[in-house]
Amino acid sequence: MDYWDHHPADQVSLAMFAYLCLGTNDMDRAIRFYDPVMGALGHQRCVVLDDCVARGSVAAG
């Protein structure tokens, strides 16, 4: 018997915290590239600074 026998998938909410830092020499170009890519993965811009853009999502639950 394993975890899933005791906790059916429809009753369990799993979440993962991870991050990735990427550098760029052209912030505007990087934003134009990553906005649609990350949007397709469900991540939106949540912080925008002069030298940093952070994206993420919030899991319901």
N, C-alpha and C. Protein backbone atom coordinates (compact mmCIF):
# COMPACT_ATOMS: atom_id res chain seq x y z
N MET A 1 0.84 -1.17 0.00
CA MET A 1 0.00 0.00 0.00
C MET A 1 0.89 1.24 0.00
N ASP A 2 0.56 2.22 -0.84
CA ASP A 2 1.40 3.43 -0.87
C ASP A 2 0.55 4.67 -0.55
N TYR A 3 1.15 5.82 -0.69
CA TYR A 3 0.51 7.10 -0.36
C TYR A 3 -0.82 7.26 -1.08
N TRP A 4 -0.86 6.94 -2.37
CA TRP A 4 -2.06 7.18 -3.18
C TRP A 4 -3.22 6.26 -2.79
N ASP A 5 -2.92 5.13 -2.16
CA ASP A 5 -4.00 4.27 -1.69
C ASP A 5 -4.77 4.95 -0.54
N HIS A 6 -4.06 5.74 0.25
CA HIS A 6 -4.68 6.43 1.38
C HIS A 6 -5.19 7.82 1.04
N HIS A 7 -4.64 8.42 -0.04
CA HIS A 7 -4.96 9.79 -0.43
C HIS A 7 -5.28 9.82 -1.92
N PRO A 8 -6.52 9.55 -2.30
CA PRO A 8 -6.87 9.58 -3.72
C PRO A 8 -6.48 10.91 -4.35
N ALA A 9 -6.04 10.88 -5.60
CA ALA A 9 -5.55 12.07 -6.29
C ALA A 9 -6.57 13.19 -6.32
N ASP A 10 -7.86 12.87 -6.35
CA ASP A 10 -8.86 13.93 -6.39
C ASP A 10 -9.05 14.62 -5.04
N GLN A 11 -8.41 14.13 -4.00
CA GLN A 11 -8.53 14.74 -2.68
C GLN A 11 -7.21 15.35 -2.21
N VAL A 12 -6.20 15.36 -3.06
CA VAL A 12 -4.89 15.84 -2.67
C VAL A 12 -4.50 17.03 -3.53
N SER A 13 -4.01 18.07 -2.91
CA SER A 13 -3.50 19.24 -3.63
C SER A 13 -1.99 19.27 -3.45
N LEU A 14 -1.26 19.08 -4.52
CA LEU A 14 0.20 19.08 -4.46
C LEU A 14 0.73 20.40 -5.00
N ALA A 15 1.76 20.92 -4.39
CA ALA A 15 2.37 22.17 -4.84
C ALA A 15 3.88 22.01 -4.80
N MET A 16 4.55 22.75 -5.66
CA MET A 16 6.00 22.72 -5.71
C MET A 16 6.51 24.15 -5.73
N PHE A 17 7.52 24.42 -4.96
CA PHE A 17 8.16 25.73 -4.98
C PHE A 17 9.51 25.58 -5.64
N ALA A 18 9.75 26.36 -6.66
CA ALA A 18 11.03 26.33 -7.35
C ALA A 18 11.24 27.67 -8.02
N TYR A 19 12.46 27.95 -8.36
CA TYR A 19 12.73 29.19 -9.07
C TYR A 19 13.87 28.99 -10.04
N LEU A 20 13.96 29.93 -10.96
CA LEU A 20 14.99 29.91 -11.99
C LEU A 20 15.37 31.35 -12.27
N CYS A 21 16.65 31.64 -12.26
CA CYS A 21 17.14 32.99 -12.56
C CYS A 21 17.87 32.95 -13.90
N LEU A 22 17.48 33.85 -14.77
CA LEU A 22 18.13 33.97 -16.08
C LEU A 22 18.60 35.39 -16.26
N GLY A 23 19.74 35.56 -16.88
CA GLY A 23 20.26 36.89 -17.15
C GLY A 23 20.00 37.29 -18.60
N THR A 24 20.02 38.59 -18.84
CA THR A 24 19.84 39.09 -20.20
C THR A 24 20.56 40.42 -20.36
N ASN A 25 20.95 40.73 -21.58
CA ASN A 25 21.53 42.03 -21.90
C ASN A 25 20.48 42.93 -22.55
N ASP A 26 19.29 42.40 -22.78
CA ASP A 26 18.22 43.15 -23.44
C ASP A 26 16.90 42.83 -22.74
N MET A 27 16.58 43.60 -21.69
CA MET A 27 15.40 43.33 -20.87
C MET A 27 14.11 43.41 -21.69
N ASP A 28 13.98 44.40 -22.54
CA ASP A 28 12.75 44.54 -23.34
C ASP A 28 12.53 43.33 -24.24
N ARG A 29 13.58 42.86 -24.86
CA ARG A 29 13.47 41.68 -25.72
C ARG A 29 13.13 40.43 -24.91
N ALA A 30 13.75 40.29 -23.75
CA ALA A 30 13.48 39.14 -22.89
C ALA A 30 12.02 39.15 -22.42
N ILE A 31 11.50 40.33 -22.07
CA ILE A 31 10.11 40.43 -21.64
C ILE A 31 9.18 40.03 -22.79
N ARG A 32 9.46 40.51 -23.99
CA ARG A 32 8.61 40.16 -25.14
C ARG A 32 8.65 38.66 -25.40
N PHE A 33 9.77 38.00 -25.16
CA PHE A 33 9.88 36.56 -25.35
C PHE A 33 9.19 35.78 -24.23
N TYR A 34 9.49 36.13 -22.99
CA TYR A 34 9.02 35.33 -21.86
C TYR A 34 7.55 35.57 -21.49
N ASP A 35 6.99 36.73 -21.80
CA ASP A 35 5.57 36.95 -21.47
C ASP A 35 4.68 35.87 -22.09
N PRO A 36 4.74 35.61 -23.39
CA PRO A 36 3.86 34.57 -23.94
C PRO A 36 4.27 33.15 -23.52
N VAL A 37 5.56 32.91 -23.38
CA VAL A 37 6.03 31.57 -22.99
C VAL A 37 5.54 31.24 -21.58
N MET A 38 5.80 32.14 -20.65
CA MET A 38 5.40 31.88 -19.27
C MET A 38 3.89 31.96 -19.10
N GLY A 39 3.22 32.81 -19.89
CA GLY A 39 1.77 32.89 -19.85
C GLY A 39 1.13 31.56 -20.25
N ALA A 40 1.72 30.90 -21.25
CA ALA A 40 1.22 29.60 -21.69
C ALA A 40 1.36 28.55 -20.59
N LEU A 41 2.31 28.76 -19.69
CA LEU A 41 2.53 27.83 -18.57
C LEU A 41 1.74 28.25 -17.32
N GLY A 42 0.97 29.33 -17.45
CA GLY A 42 0.15 29.77 -16.33
C GLY A 42 0.83 30.72 -15.37
N HIS A 43 1.94 31.33 -15.79
CA HIS A 43 2.67 32.24 -14.92
C HIS A 43 2.56 33.67 -15.45
N GLN A 44 2.24 34.60 -14.57
CA GLN A 44 2.11 36.00 -14.93
C GLN A 44 3.22 36.81 -14.28
N ARG A 45 3.45 38.00 -14.83
CA ARG A 45 4.40 38.91 -14.19
C ARG A 45 3.83 39.34 -12.85
N CYS A 46 4.62 39.22 -11.80
CA CYS A 46 4.15 39.63 -10.47
C CYS A 46 5.04 40.70 -9.85
N VAL A 47 6.25 40.86 -10.36
CA VAL A 47 7.16 41.91 -9.90
C VAL A 47 7.89 42.45 -11.12
N VAL A 48 7.92 43.79 -11.25
CA VAL A 48 8.67 44.41 -12.34
C VAL A 48 9.50 45.54 -11.74
N LEU A 49 10.81 45.40 -11.84
CA LEU A 49 11.75 46.42 -11.38
C LEU A 49 12.61 46.83 -12.58
N ASP A 50 13.48 47.81 -12.40
CA ASP A 50 14.34 48.24 -13.50
C ASP A 50 15.20 47.11 -14.04
N ASP A 51 15.69 46.26 -13.15
CA ASP A 51 16.62 45.22 -13.56
C ASP A 51 16.14 43.80 -13.26
N CYS A 52 14.83 43.65 -13.02
CA CYS A 52 14.31 42.35 -12.63
C CYS A 52 12.83 42.23 -12.98
N VAL A 53 12.46 41.08 -13.51
CA VAL A 53 11.05 40.74 -13.73
C VAL A 53 10.84 39.37 -13.11
N ALA A 54 9.84 39.28 -12.23
CA ALA A 54 9.52 37.99 -11.61
C ALA A 54 8.16 37.54 -12.09
N ARG A 55 8.05 36.26 -12.33
CA ARG A 55 6.78 35.68 -12.76
C ARG A 55 6.42 34.56 -11.82
N GLY A 56 5.14 34.28 -11.74
CA GLY A 56 4.72 33.19 -10.87
C GLY A 56 3.23 32.94 -10.99
N SER A 57 2.78 32.03 -10.18
CA SER A 57 1.37 31.70 -10.10
C SER A 57 1.05 31.33 -8.67
N VAL A 58 -0.21 31.40 -8.33
CA VAL A 58 -0.65 31.03 -7.01
C VAL A 58 -1.60 29.86 -7.16
N ALA A 59 -1.29 28.78 -6.49
CA ALA A 59 -2.14 27.58 -6.54
C ALA A 59 -3.33 27.79 -5.61
N ALA A 60 -4.50 27.43 -6.10
CA ALA A 60 -5.70 27.51 -5.26
C ALA A 60 -5.63 26.43 -4.19
N GLY A 61 -6.17 26.75 -3.03
CA GLY A 61 -6.21 25.71 -2.03
C GLY A 61 -5.73 26.10 -0.75
